[in-house]
């Protein structure tokens, strides 16, 4: 079964279409591309056909809503969330060709395709393995209960009273375990959704935005077209790789491979090439070796998020990034000479909320100083505690205790 990814009409981007198609076809995750307005399925990769039991041709004859069970309104809620935020994550029941249902963690992201038509790429992750494990736990508990009851009945008549006590004790244990399992599942789901939403917004969304930016630059500048198309392809493939890593719960390698400060400088260099903005960096390079890899990644995401806020809203021409350890604290500050804003006014975006959430994870605090026409200064401070220190060595990209 060979998929045919919809080709761009713009003859200037054949290389981009080829790489996009190749990555889409080879992805081990089931992916379906659909028209946002009509819901019509435009394309699906081999993994999607295998998971759902449909041929490629049969999937193209369906609408996305035909794939999901919606009597519980979970599919409708996901569409509403996607329309409001541009992306959505939820647990939906997919319907296979043979009529069987399949619980899937579903991620759907909107993007703009040819002729400015809004499309969505929907990714399915089979959760039946998790459910099977829970059923196995339940079955084991039932066997223990049956064994205890059988042993109790084999005793003398005087021991029969112990059966009721044992049954009552087992019922209490089962109820307690069920409550603990339910609470743990809910907590895990919320954390998983929160982390996935942050990664999609903070990282994947911005990688795709950078890819689109270089694509637009290729259209405007024929002299550097090949270079810009190459950069666009790199960002697109990186975004695909990040989505793949999200499914495995892996950490991004960019900070590990380049180091925190070099990763930030690489990012700012790309931004300055695409936008009329000057970004200066003053950073202590020793932080990368001294601090934990996940903390370094957290700092990178905060800088990445604030730069994205500045580009989208501030209309700034000068940005300064400072990252240094001070007595008892790690201090990150990002200032710009943009339009500024009223810090007391609530904003609709989730950028600043994500920054505060990332800071809070390491007991950090966030300070915003801004006025209209006076730019903005974002300061994030972390207590220099044992939880931030690097207690592992990194060898060939792997963590060693």
Protein backbone atom coordinates (compact mmCIF):
# COMPACT_ATOMS: atom_id res chain seq x y z
CA UNK A 1 0.00 0.00 0.00
CA UNK A 2 1.70 3.16 -1.17
CA UNK A 3 0.38 6.51 0.03
CA UNK A 4 0.27 9.57 -2.19
CA UNK A 5 0.73 12.67 -0.06
CA UNK A 6 -1.04 15.71 -1.61
CA UNK A 7 1.54 17.60 -3.64
CA UNK A 8 2.01 21.35 -3.28
CA UNK A 9 0.86 23.33 -6.28
CA UNK A 10 3.76 25.75 -5.91
CA UNK A 11 6.48 24.38 -8.22
CA UNK A 12 9.13 26.11 -6.09
CA UNK A 13 8.90 23.57 -3.25
CA UNK A 14 9.28 20.03 -4.73
CA UNK A 15 12.06 19.19 -2.27
CA UNK A 16 9.89 20.15 0.70
CA UNK A 17 6.99 17.98 -0.56
CA UNK A 18 9.26 14.97 -1.11
CA UNK A 19 10.75 15.12 2.39
CA UNK A 20 7.37 15.74 3.97
CA UNK A 21 5.92 12.73 2.12
CA UNK A 22 8.80 10.45 3.03
CA UNK A 23 8.63 11.30 6.73
CA UNK A 24 4.82 10.92 6.71
CA UNK A 25 4.92 7.49 5.02
CA UNK A 26 7.71 6.08 7.21
CA UNK A 27 6.25 7.23 10.55
CA UNK A 28 5.48 4.28 12.85
CA UNK A 29 2.61 6.32 14.36
CA UNK A 30 -0.81 6.11 12.65
CA UNK A 31 -1.43 9.54 11.04
CA UNK A 32 -4.48 10.79 9.14
CA UNK A 33 -4.70 14.12 7.28
CA UNK A 34 -8.17 15.64 6.84
CA UNK A 35 -9.89 18.83 5.64
CA UNK A 36 -10.81 20.90 8.72
CA UNK A 37 -14.05 22.32 7.28
CA UNK A 38 -15.49 19.15 5.73
CA UNK A 39 -13.78 16.50 7.81
CA UNK A 40 -12.94 14.61 4.63
CA UNK A 41 -9.87 12.34 4.90
CA UNK A 42 -7.21 13.52 2.44
CA UNK A 43 -4.42 11.07 3.22
CA UNK A 44 -3.39 8.36 5.67
CA UNK A 45 -0.13 6.50 6.19
CA UNK A 46 0.43 2.75 6.32
CA UNK A 47 0.40 2.66 10.11
CA UNK A 48 -3.13 4.15 10.18
CA UNK A 49 -4.44 1.58 7.71
CA UNK A 50 -2.85 -1.26 9.67
CA UNK A 51 -4.26 -0.04 13.00
CA UNK A 52 -7.83 0.45 11.70
CA UNK A 53 -7.89 -2.46 9.23
CA UNK A 54 -8.70 -0.33 6.17
CA UNK A 55 -6.98 -0.12 2.82
CA UNK A 56 -5.57 3.27 1.83
CA UNK A 57 -8.34 3.67 -0.78
CA UNK A 58 -11.07 2.82 1.74
CA UNK A 59 -9.79 5.42 4.23
CA UNK A 60 -9.81 8.13 1.54
CA UNK A 61 -13.51 7.45 1.00
CA UNK A 62 -14.35 8.31 4.61
CA UNK A 63 -14.74 11.38 6.80
CA UNK A 64 -12.72 11.67 10.00
CA UNK A 65 -15.90 11.42 12.08
CA UNK A 66 -16.51 7.92 10.62
CA UNK A 67 -13.35 6.74 12.40
CA UNK A 68 -14.43 7.68 15.94
CA UNK A 69 -17.24 6.69 18.30
CA UNK A 70 -19.00 9.90 19.40
CA UNK A 71 -21.96 8.88 21.55
CA UNK A 72 -19.98 10.05 24.58
CA UNK A 73 -19.28 13.42 22.80
CA UNK A 74 -15.53 13.03 23.34
CA UNK A 75 -14.87 13.45 19.62
CA UNK A 76 -16.99 16.62 19.48
CA UNK A 77 -15.16 18.01 22.50
CA UNK A 78 -11.80 17.35 20.83
CA UNK A 79 -12.92 19.20 17.68
CA UNK A 80 -14.05 22.17 19.77
CA UNK A 81 -10.73 22.26 21.64
CA UNK A 82 -8.83 22.01 18.35
CA UNK A 83 -10.84 24.86 16.81
CA UNK A 84 -10.16 27.14 19.78
CA UNK A 85 -6.46 26.32 20.37
CA UNK A 86 -5.27 25.01 17.00
CA UNK A 87 -4.46 21.63 18.56
CA UNK A 88 -6.11 19.15 20.90
CA UNK A 89 -5.35 15.94 22.82
CA UNK A 90 -7.89 13.43 24.11
CA UNK A 91 -8.70 9.76 24.69
CA UNK A 92 -11.13 8.66 21.94
CA UNK A 93 -12.59 5.31 20.90
CA UNK A 94 -11.68 4.47 17.30
CA UNK A 95 -13.82 2.06 15.27
CA UNK A 96 -11.96 -0.57 13.27
CA UNK A 97 -13.22 -1.99 9.97
CA UNK A 98 -14.24 -5.23 11.68
CA UNK A 99 -16.48 -3.27 14.06
CA UNK A 100 -14.25 -3.62 17.10
CA UNK A 101 -13.51 -0.55 19.22
CA UNK A 102 -10.02 0.65 20.11
CA UNK A 103 -9.18 3.16 22.86
CA UNK A 104 -6.60 5.62 21.48
CA UNK A 105 -4.77 8.66 22.75
CA UNK A 106 -5.54 11.10 19.95
CA UNK A 107 -3.61 14.26 19.02
CA UNK A 108 -4.94 16.57 16.29
CA UNK A 109 -3.10 19.68 15.03
CA UNK A 110 -4.35 22.23 12.47
CA UNK A 111 -2.04 23.55 9.74
CA UNK A 112 -2.57 25.61 6.58
CA UNK A 113 -2.09 23.72 3.32
CA UNK A 114 -2.29 24.61 -0.37
CA UNK A 115 -4.47 27.56 -1.39
CA UNK A 116 -4.72 28.54 2.29
CA UNK A 117 -6.98 25.54 3.02
CA UNK A 118 -6.96 24.50 6.67
CA UNK A 119 -6.05 20.87 7.22
CA UNK A 120 -5.44 18.76 10.30
CA UNK A 121 -3.04 15.91 11.03
CA UNK A 122 -4.49 13.46 13.54
CA UNK A 123 -2.23 10.94 15.32
CA UNK A 124 -3.53 7.80 17.07
CA UNK A 125 -1.70 5.96 19.88
CA UNK A 126 -3.18 2.56 20.81
CA UNK A 127 -3.93 2.43 24.57
CA UNK A 128 -5.27 -1.16 24.62
CA UNK A 129 -1.98 -2.40 26.08
CA UNK A 130 -2.50 -0.24 29.17
CA UNK A 131 -6.08 -1.47 29.51
CA UNK A 132 -4.93 -5.07 29.10
CA UNK A 133 -2.44 -4.62 31.95
CA UNK A 134 -5.18 -3.28 34.21
CA UNK A 135 -7.43 -6.23 33.37
CA UNK A 136 -4.56 -8.57 34.22
CA UNK A 137 -4.21 -6.86 37.62
CA UNK A 138 -7.96 -7.26 38.20
CA UNK A 139 -7.86 -10.93 37.15
CA UNK A 140 -4.96 -11.64 39.54
CA UNK A 141 -6.89 -10.00 42.38
CA UNK A 142 -9.94 -12.13 41.58
CA UNK A 143 -7.84 -15.31 41.61
CA UNK A 144 -6.41 -14.40 45.01
CA UNK A 145 -9.94 -13.86 46.29
CA UNK A 146 -11.17 -17.21 44.91
CA UNK A 147 -8.17 -19.08 46.35
CA UNK A 148 -8.65 -17.56 49.78
CA UNK A 149 -12.33 -18.41 49.73
CA UNK A 150 -11.70 -21.99 48.61
CA UNK A 151 -9.11 -22.56 51.35
CA UNK A 152 -11.40 -21.10 53.96
CA UNK A 153 -14.26 -23.42 52.95
CA UNK A 154 -11.98 -26.46 53.15
CA UNK A 155 -11.47 -25.86 56.85
CA UNK A 156 -13.70 -27.16 59.58
CA UNK A 157 -17.13 -25.72 60.27
CA UNK A 158 -15.65 -23.62 63.05
CA UNK A 159 -13.49 -21.77 60.50
CA UNK A 160 -16.44 -20.73 58.31
CA UNK A 161 -16.81 -17.53 60.28
CA UNK A 162 -13.40 -16.50 59.02
CA UNK A 163 -14.72 -16.55 55.45
CA UNK A 164 -16.98 -13.58 56.07
CA UNK A 165 -14.14 -11.70 57.71
CA UNK A 166 -11.80 -12.54 54.85
CA UNK A 167 -14.39 -11.54 52.23
CA UNK A 168 -14.98 -8.26 54.00
CA UNK A 169 -11.22 -7.62 54.22
CA UNK A 170 -10.73 -8.45 50.54
CA UNK A 171 -13.65 -6.21 49.55
CA UNK A 172 -12.10 -3.35 51.47
CA UNK A 173 -8.68 -3.98 49.89
CA UNK A 174 -10.18 -4.17 46.39
CA UNK A 175 -12.14 -0.96 46.95
CA UNK A 176 -9.02 0.80 48.23
CA UNK A 177 -6.92 -0.47 45.33
CA UNK A 178 -9.57 0.53 42.79
CA UNK A 179 -9.68 4.02 44.28
CA UNK A 180 -5.88 4.28 44.26
CA UNK A 181 -5.67 3.03 40.67
CA UNK A 182 -8.39 5.44 39.50
CA UNK A 183 -6.72 8.36 41.26
CA UNK A 184 -3.31 7.41 39.83
CA UNK A 185 -4.73 7.07 36.31
CA UNK A 186 -6.44 10.47 36.50
CA UNK A 187 -3.28 12.13 37.85
CA UNK A 188 -1.12 10.47 35.20
CA UNK A 189 -3.50 11.49 32.40
CA UNK A 190 -3.57 15.10 33.55
CA UNK A 191 0.23 15.26 33.79
CA UNK A 192 0.58 13.54 30.42
CA UNK A 193 -1.86 15.94 28.77
CA UNK A 194 -0.20 18.94 30.38
CA UNK A 195 3.29 17.87 29.32
CA UNK A 196 2.18 16.99 25.80
CA UNK A 197 0.33 20.30 25.42
CA UNK A 198 3.41 22.22 26.57
CA UNK A 199 5.72 20.35 24.20
CA UNK A 200 3.36 20.83 21.25
CA UNK A 201 3.03 24.55 21.98
CA UNK A 202 6.59 25.30 23.12
CA UNK A 203 8.55 23.14 20.71
CA UNK A 204 6.73 21.39 17.83
CA UNK A 205 4.51 24.39 17.06
CA UNK A 206 7.52 26.69 16.87
CA UNK A 207 9.55 24.26 14.75
CA UNK A 208 6.71 24.15 12.23
CA UNK A 209 6.42 27.93 12.36
CA UNK A 210 10.14 28.22 11.59
CA UNK A 211 9.73 25.77 8.69
CA UNK A 212 6.92 27.87 7.25
CA UNK A 213 8.96 31.05 7.76
CA UNK A 214 11.89 29.71 5.71
CA UNK A 215 9.45 28.46 3.06
CA UNK A 216 8.00 31.96 2.71
CA UNK A 217 11.51 33.39 2.48
CA UNK A 218 12.30 30.92 -0.32
CA UNK A 219 9.31 32.20 -2.26
CA UNK A 220 10.42 35.82 -1.84
CA UNK A 221 14.15 35.37 -2.44
CA UNK A 222 15.00 33.28 -5.50
CA UNK A 223 18.72 33.86 -5.03
CA UNK A 224 18.76 31.98 -1.71
CA UNK A 225 15.86 29.68 -2.50
CA UNK A 226 17.77 26.40 -2.19
CA UNK A 227 19.32 27.39 1.14
CA UNK A 228 15.97 28.46 2.62
CA UNK A 229 14.23 25.30 1.33
CA UNK A 230 16.95 23.21 2.93
CA UNK A 231 16.48 24.99 6.29
CA UNK A 232 12.72 24.57 6.02
CA UNK A 233 13.14 20.84 5.40
CA UNK A 234 15.45 20.54 8.42
CA UNK A 235 12.90 22.15 10.72
CA UNK A 236 10.07 20.02 9.33
CA UNK A 237 11.98 16.77 9.84
CA UNK A 238 12.99 17.91 13.34
CA UNK A 239 9.33 18.57 14.18
CA UNK A 240 8.39 15.09 12.94
CA UNK A 241 11.17 13.60 15.06
CA UNK A 242 9.98 15.56 18.12
CA UNK A 243 6.44 14.21 17.67
CA UNK A 244 7.87 10.69 17.44
CA UNK A 245 9.85 11.25 20.63
CA UNK A 246 6.77 12.55 22.44
CA UNK A 247 5.12 9.17 21.89
CA UNK A 248 8.07 7.51 23.62
CA UNK A 249 8.35 10.11 26.38
CA UNK A 250 11.90 11.00 25.39
CA UNK A 251 13.75 14.26 26.09
CA UNK A 252 14.82 16.53 23.20
CA UNK A 253 18.46 16.00 22.18
CA UNK A 254 19.24 19.54 21.00
CA UNK A 255 20.38 20.83 24.38
CA UNK A 256 22.33 17.63 25.13
CA UNK A 257 24.14 17.68 21.78
CA UNK A 258 24.91 21.40 21.52
CA UNK A 259 24.89 22.53 25.14
CA UNK A 260 22.36 24.96 26.57
CA UNK A 261 24.13 28.19 25.59
CA UNK A 262 25.06 27.04 22.08
CA UNK A 263 21.51 25.75 21.52
CA UNK A 264 20.13 29.19 22.47
CA UNK A 265 22.65 30.96 20.19
CA UNK A 266 21.79 28.63 17.31
CA UNK A 267 18.10 29.43 17.77
CA UNK A 268 18.67 33.21 17.98
CA UNK A 269 20.89 33.11 14.87
CA UNK A 270 18.05 31.59 12.86
CA UNK A 271 15.61 34.17 14.20
CA UNK A 272 17.89 37.10 13.30
CA UNK A 273 18.30 35.74 9.78
CA UNK A 274 14.54 35.72 9.26
CA UNK A 275 13.46 38.85 11.17
CA UNK A 276 14.81 42.44 11.41
CA UNK A 277 15.82 41.98 15.04
CA UNK A 278 19.14 42.06 16.93
CA UNK A 279 19.52 39.50 19.74
CA UNK A 280 22.51 39.60 22.10
CA UNK A 281 23.35 36.77 24.52
CA UNK A 282 25.41 36.89 27.72
CA UNK A 283 25.53 33.44 29.28
CA UNK A 284 27.72 31.30 31.51
CA UNK A 285 28.60 28.21 29.42
CA UNK A 286 29.49 26.20 32.54
CA UNK A 287 25.79 25.97 33.41
CA UNK A 288 25.27 23.19 30.86
CA UNK A 289 27.70 20.78 32.56
CA UNK A 290 26.76 21.86 36.08
CA UNK A 291 22.98 21.60 35.91
CA UNK A 292 20.69 18.65 35.26
CA UNK A 293 19.82 17.96 31.58
CA UNK A 294 16.06 18.30 32.18
CA UNK A 295 16.60 21.63 33.92
CA UNK A 296 18.72 22.84 30.96
CA UNK A 297 15.92 21.82 28.60
CA UNK A 298 13.43 23.68 30.79
CA UNK A 299 15.53 26.87 30.52
CA UNK A 300 15.77 26.44 26.73
CA UNK A 301 11.98 26.11 26.45
CA UNK A 302 11.44 29.27 28.55
CA UNK A 303 13.80 31.30 26.32
CA UNK A 304 12.19 29.78 23.21
CA UNK A 305 8.70 30.68 24.42
CA UNK A 306 9.55 34.28 25.32
CA UNK A 307 11.33 34.88 21.98
CA UNK A 308 8.23 33.59 20.24
CA UNK A 309 6.09 36.01 22.29
CA UNK A 310 8.38 38.91 21.32
CA UNK A 311 8.30 38.04 17.62
CA UNK A 312 4.51 37.64 17.56
CA UNK A 313 3.48 40.61 19.69
CA UNK A 314 6.24 43.05 20.68
CA UNK A 315 7.50 44.41 17.32
CA UNK A 316 10.90 44.75 18.99
CA UNK A 317 14.20 45.43 17.20
CA UNK A 318 16.58 44.69 20.10
CA UNK A 319 16.50 41.74 22.50
CA UNK A 320 18.95 40.87 25.27
CA UNK A 321 19.26 37.42 26.89
CA UNK A 322 21.19 36.95 30.15
CA UNK A 323 21.79 33.63 31.90
CA UNK A 324 24.11 33.53 34.92
CA UNK A 325 24.38 31.88 38.33
CA UNK A 326 24.28 34.21 41.31
CA UNK A 327 24.77 33.43 45.00
CA UNK A 328 22.00 30.95 45.80
CA UNK A 329 20.05 31.39 42.53
CA UNK A 330 20.11 30.77 38.77
CA UNK A 331 18.87 33.90 36.98
CA UNK A 332 17.44 34.15 33.46
CA UNK A 333 16.39 37.53 32.04
CA UNK A 334 15.06 38.44 28.60
CA UNK A 335 14.45 42.10 27.76
CA UNK A 336 13.22 43.82 24.59
CA UNK A 337 12.52 47.34 23.31
CA UNK A 338 9.12 46.45 21.89
CA UNK A 339 5.66 47.94 22.33
CA UNK A 340 5.20 46.59 25.85
CA UNK A 341 1.85 45.79 27.47
CA UNK A 342 -0.19 46.11 30.63
CA UNK A 343 1.01 43.29 32.91
CA UNK A 344 -2.20 43.53 34.98
CA UNK A 345 -4.39 42.77 32.00
CA UNK A 346 -5.22 39.12 31.39
CA UNK A 347 -4.01 37.69 28.08
CA UNK A 348 -5.69 35.04 25.97
CA UNK A 349 -2.49 33.18 25.03
CA UNK A 350 -0.85 30.39 27.02
CA UNK A 351 2.77 31.49 26.46
CA UNK A 352 3.30 33.27 29.78
CA UNK A 353 1.30 30.57 31.60
CA UNK A 354 3.65 27.92 30.21
CA UNK A 355 6.69 29.92 31.34
CA UNK A 356 5.27 30.24 34.87
CA UNK A 357 4.39 26.55 34.94
CA UNK A 358 7.91 25.53 33.84
CA UNK A 359 9.46 27.82 36.44
CA UNK A 360 7.21 26.50 39.21
CA UNK A 361 8.29 22.91 38.49
CA UNK A 362 11.75 23.81 39.86
CA UNK A 363 10.43 26.17 42.58
CA UNK A 364 11.29 29.16 40.38
CA UNK A 365 9.56 32.55 40.30
CA UNK A 366 8.66 34.76 37.32
CA UNK A 367 8.73 38.56 37.22
CA UNK A 368 7.31 40.68 34.37
CA UNK A 369 8.05 44.39 34.08
CA UNK A 370 6.40 46.16 31.15
CA UNK A 371 4.52 49.28 30.14
CA UNK A 372 3.04 50.28 26.84
CA UNK A 373 5.77 51.75 24.67
CA UNK A 374 8.49 50.82 27.21
CA UNK A 375 9.34 47.24 26.19
CA UNK A 376 9.35 44.27 28.52
CA UNK A 377 11.72 42.56 30.97
CA UNK A 378 11.06 38.91 31.85
CA UNK A 379 13.07 37.59 34.81
CA UNK A 380 12.99 33.97 35.97
CA UNK A 381 14.92 32.98 39.11
CA UNK A 382 15.53 29.46 40.40
CA UNK A 383 16.89 28.51 43.83
CA UNK A 384 20.29 26.84 43.33
CA UNK A 385 19.36 23.59 45.09
CA UNK A 386 20.38 19.93 44.86
CA UNK A 387 17.41 19.17 42.56
CA UNK A 388 18.96 21.28 39.79
CA UNK A 389 22.43 19.78 39.94
CA UNK A 390 23.67 17.36 37.30
CA UNK A 391 24.25 14.00 38.99
CA UNK A 392 24.65 12.02 35.76
CA UNK A 393 27.20 11.80 32.99
CA UNK A 394 26.23 11.97 29.32
CA UNK A 395 27.99 9.54 26.95
CA UNK A 396 26.99 9.50 23.26
CA UNK A 397 23.67 11.12 24.09
CA UNK A 398 22.77 8.61 26.85
CA UNK A 399 22.43 9.31 30.56
CA UNK A 400 24.65 7.31 32.90
CA UNK A 401 24.08 7.36 36.66
